[in-house]
Every structure is written in C-alpha cells, then in structure tokens.
C-alpha atoms as a PDB file:
ATOM      1  CA  UNK A   1    -176.635 -14.992  28.665  1.00  0.00           C
ATOM      2  CA  UNK A   2    -173.330 -14.912  26.758  1.00  0.00           C
ATOM      3  CA  UNK A   3    -172.852 -11.273  27.694  1.00  0.00           C
ATOM      4  CA  UNK A   4    -173.289 -12.125  31.378  1.00  0.00           C
ATOM      5  CA  UNK A   5    -170.760 -14.965  31.103  1.00  0.00           C
ATOM      6  CA  UNK A   6    -168.233 -12.672  29.422  1.00  0.00           C
ATOM      7  CA  UNK A   7    -168.826  -9.950  32.025  1.00  0.00           C
ATOM      8  CA  UNK A   8    -168.401 -12.430  34.891  1.00  0.00           C
ATOM      9  CA  UNK A   9    -165.236 -13.824  33.295  1.00  0.00           C
ATOM     10  CA  UNK A  10    -163.732 -10.368  32.864  1.00  0.00           C
ATOM     11  CA  UNK A  11    -164.563  -9.554  36.500  1.00  0.00           C
ATOM     12  CA  UNK A  12    -162.860 -12.792  37.563  1.00  0.00           C
ATOM     13  CA  UNK A  13    -159.798 -11.989  35.473  1.00  0.00           C
ATOM     14  CA  UNK A  14    -159.663  -8.489  36.943  1.00  0.00           C
ATOM     15  CA  UNK A  15    -159.909  -9.929  40.466  1.00  0.00           C
ATOM     16  CA  UNK A  16    -157.091 -12.387  39.772  1.00  0.00           C
ATOM     17  CA  UNK A  17    -154.906  -9.632  38.304  1.00  0.00           C
ATOM     18  CA  UNK A  18    -155.580  -7.351  41.262  1.00  0.00           C
ATOM     19  CA  UNK A  19    -154.726 -10.146  43.687  1.00  0.00           C
ATOM     20  CA  UNK A  20    -151.518 -10.917  41.758  1.00  0.00           C
ATOM     21  CA  UNK A  21    -150.554  -7.225  41.824  1.00  0.00           C
ATOM     22  CA  UNK A  22    -151.175  -7.108  45.581  1.00  0.00           C
ATOM     23  CA  UNK A  23    -149.036 -10.202  46.139  1.00  0.00           C
ATOM     24  CA  UNK A  24    -146.292  -8.679  44.001  1.00  0.00           C
ATOM     25  CA  UNK A  25    -146.398  -5.408  45.926  1.00  0.00           C
ATOM     26  CA  UNK A  26    -146.184  -7.294  49.223  1.00  0.00           C
ATOM     27  CA  UNK A  27    -143.205  -9.291  47.970  1.00  0.00           C
ATOM     28  CA  UNK A  28    -141.430  -6.126  46.844  1.00  0.00           C
ATOM     29  CA  UNK A  29    -142.035  -4.466  50.214  1.00  0.00           C
ATOM     30  CA  UNK A  30    -140.712  -7.525  52.064  1.00  0.00           C
ATOM     31  CA  UNK A  31    -137.639  -7.469  49.811  1.00  0.00           C
ATOM     32  CA  UNK A  32    -137.065  -3.792  50.541  1.00  0.00           C
ATOM     33  CA  UNK A  33    -137.403  -4.385  54.275  1.00  0.00           C
ATOM     34  CA  UNK A  34    -134.952  -7.290  54.109  1.00  0.00           C
ATOM     35  CA  UNK A  35    -132.504  -5.103  52.191  1.00  0.00           C
ATOM     36  CA  UNK A  36    -132.850  -2.364  54.822  1.00  0.00           C
ATOM     37  CA  UNK A  37    -132.169  -4.835  57.622  1.00  0.00           C
ATOM     38  CA  UNK A  38    -129.128  -6.265  55.820  1.00  0.00           C
ATOM     39  CA  UNK A  39    -127.795  -2.784  55.070  1.00  0.00           C
ATOM     40  CA  UNK A  40    -128.200  -1.742  58.701  1.00  0.00           C
ATOM     41  CA  UNK A  41    -126.483  -4.910  59.873  1.00  0.00           C
ATOM     42  CA  UNK A  42    -123.639  -4.355  57.410  1.00  0.00           C
ATOM     43  CA  UNK A  43    -123.211  -0.744  58.480  1.00  0.00           C
ATOM     44  CA  UNK A  44    -123.128  -1.786  62.136  1.00  0.00           C
ATOM     45  CA  UNK A  45    -120.494  -4.415  61.342  1.00  0.00           C
ATOM     46  CA  UNK A  46    -118.378  -1.964  59.342  1.00  0.00           C
ATOM     47  CA  UNK A  47    -118.627   0.587  62.135  1.00  0.00           C
ATOM     48  CA  UNK A  48    -117.515  -2.007  64.672  1.00  0.00           C
ATOM     49  CA  UNK A  49    -114.571  -3.106  62.515  1.00  0.00           C
ATOM     50  CA  UNK A  50    -113.594   0.510  61.887  1.00  0.00           C
ATOM     51  CA  UNK A  51    -113.687   1.222  65.619  1.00  0.00           C
ATOM     52  CA  UNK A  52    -111.530  -1.819  66.363  1.00  0.00           C
ATOM     53  CA  UNK A  53    -108.997  -0.925  63.663  1.00  0.00           C
ATOM     54  CA  UNK A  54    -108.852   2.666  64.873  1.00  0.00           C
ATOM     55  CA  UNK A  55    -108.295   1.467  68.438  1.00  0.00           C
ATOM     56  CA  UNK A  56    -105.545  -0.911  67.301  1.00  0.00           C
ATOM     57  CA  UNK A  57    -103.778   1.792  65.278  1.00  0.00           C
ATOM     58  CA  UNK A  58    -103.864   4.159  68.261  1.00  0.00           C
ATOM     59  CA  UNK A  59    -102.558   1.442  70.569  1.00  0.00           C
ATOM     60  CA  UNK A  60     -99.842  -0.001  68.261  1.00  0.00           C
ATOM     61  CA  UNK A  61     -99.101   2.406  65.395  1.00  0.00           C
ATOM     62  CA  UNK A  62     -95.814   0.786  64.357  1.00  0.00           C
ATOM     63  CA  UNK A  63     -97.382  -2.652  64.104  1.00  0.00           C
ATOM     64  CA  UNK A  64    -100.228  -1.161  62.035  1.00  0.00           C
ATOM     65  CA  UNK A  65     -97.756   0.537  59.676  1.00  0.00           C
ATOM     66  CA  UNK A  66     -95.765  -2.680  59.298  1.00  0.00           C
ATOM     67  CA  UNK A  67     -98.975  -4.636  58.645  1.00  0.00           C
ATOM     68  CA  UNK A  68    -100.099  -2.121  56.027  1.00  0.00           C
ATOM     69  CA  UNK A  69     -96.694  -2.396  54.330  1.00  0.00           C
ATOM     70  CA  UNK A  70     -96.857  -6.212  54.269  1.00  0.00           C
ATOM     71  CA  UNK A  71    -100.402  -6.231  52.905  1.00  0.00           C
ATOM     72  CA  UNK A  72     -99.524  -3.599  50.274  1.00  0.00           C
ATOM     73  CA  UNK A  73     -96.431  -5.529  49.221  1.00  0.00           C
ATOM     74  CA  UNK A  74     -98.399  -8.788  48.927  1.00  0.00           C
ATOM     75  CA  UNK A  75    -101.142  -7.138  46.859  1.00  0.00           C
ATOM     76  CA  UNK A  76     -98.585  -5.485  44.568  1.00  0.00           C
ATOM     77  CA  UNK A  77     -96.820  -8.824  44.130  1.00  0.00           C
ATOM     78  CA  UNK A  78    -100.090 -10.531  43.213  1.00  0.00           C
ATOM     79  CA  UNK A  79    -100.937  -7.811  40.686  1.00  0.00           C
ATOM     80  CA  UNK A  80     -97.487  -8.128  39.083  1.00  0.00           C
ATOM     81  CA  UNK A  81     -98.006 -11.880  38.690  1.00  0.00           C
ATOM     82  CA  UNK A  82    -101.374 -11.331  36.997  1.00  0.00           C
ATOM     83  CA  UNK A  83     -99.810  -9.397  34.089  1.00  0.00           C
END
C-alpha cells in the first residue's frame, strides 16, 4: 500500500516535471521566434535607412560632407567636455 502510494507520487512528480519542461521549451521557442522577427525587422529598417542615406549622398554630396563634418565636430566637442 505504501509502495503504491510512493510509486504513484513519483509518477505524478515526473508528469509535473515533464509538463514544466515542455512549457519551458515552448517559451524558449517563442522567445527565439520573437527574436528572429525583431532581428528581421531591424535589418529591414537598417537597409531602408542605408538606402535613403546612399540616395541622399548621391543626390547632394556636398551637403552630406558638410553634415558629416558638423556631426563629427559636435561629437568631438562632447568627448572633449567629458574629460
């Protein structure tokens, strides 16, 4: 009688652990899928921005050079102030 109770309890514990492992595996897979979707979205966005910047530089190279100079100067100024 006691042996049967212990055997049934261990089977129940094993079932609960298996179910918990399955839930964990499903959660990990959903997390991976979400990460893939976010990465794809980010890559699409970066590609779009890169295409727009490239188009702008081809269209107005002098404005792009001046903008790069201004941004570089501002960043250098900020870094000097941080010292």
